[in-house]
């Protein structure tokens, strides 16, 4: 599936194309997948797990948290930039398969958000699940814009600015938690 969508795009890929690329019969394809959409979701889940593995390996515990954020974002964008056509399929076409595609995407977003919340951070700066999800959304939007503008290969060039967004989101938590709360009698 990955080879086919990388050369033809998801919409133009047929089950016959997938079977031929895999050097199996269509019957064998149907023994593993009921539909082309199911095969796409399996590809999405597999490629996403590889991405998460790449990110996890990029975390160098001996570095300070800002350096770790920089490393993870750079690794993520570099990983995505390696195959632009596949990224279009994984970020856009997976949603075209309906609720199953959306569910697969949500699962991966949760895993990425969990990676962010588990990223060791400075004391009192633990990112909430909500913040981590918002950060994943921001990074996804950067990737989607790169896909739309046909510049996925240039994603690594955006890594520094994207990492800055991640660090800022985490810092907002620290600022908000250390700011005194206004009492009802205090002027606003």
Foldseek 3Di string as FASTA:
>chain_A
DLVCLLVPNLVPDDLCNVCVVVVHDSVVVCVPDVGSLRVLLVVLLVLLVVLLVQLVVQQDPVDALLVNLLSSLLSNLQSQLVRLSSNCCNLPVLVVVDPSSVVSVVVSLQVQLVVQQPRDHPPQLRDDSVLSSVLSVVSSVVCVVCSVVVNSNCSSVCSVVSSVVSVVSSVVSVVVVPDDDDDPPDDD
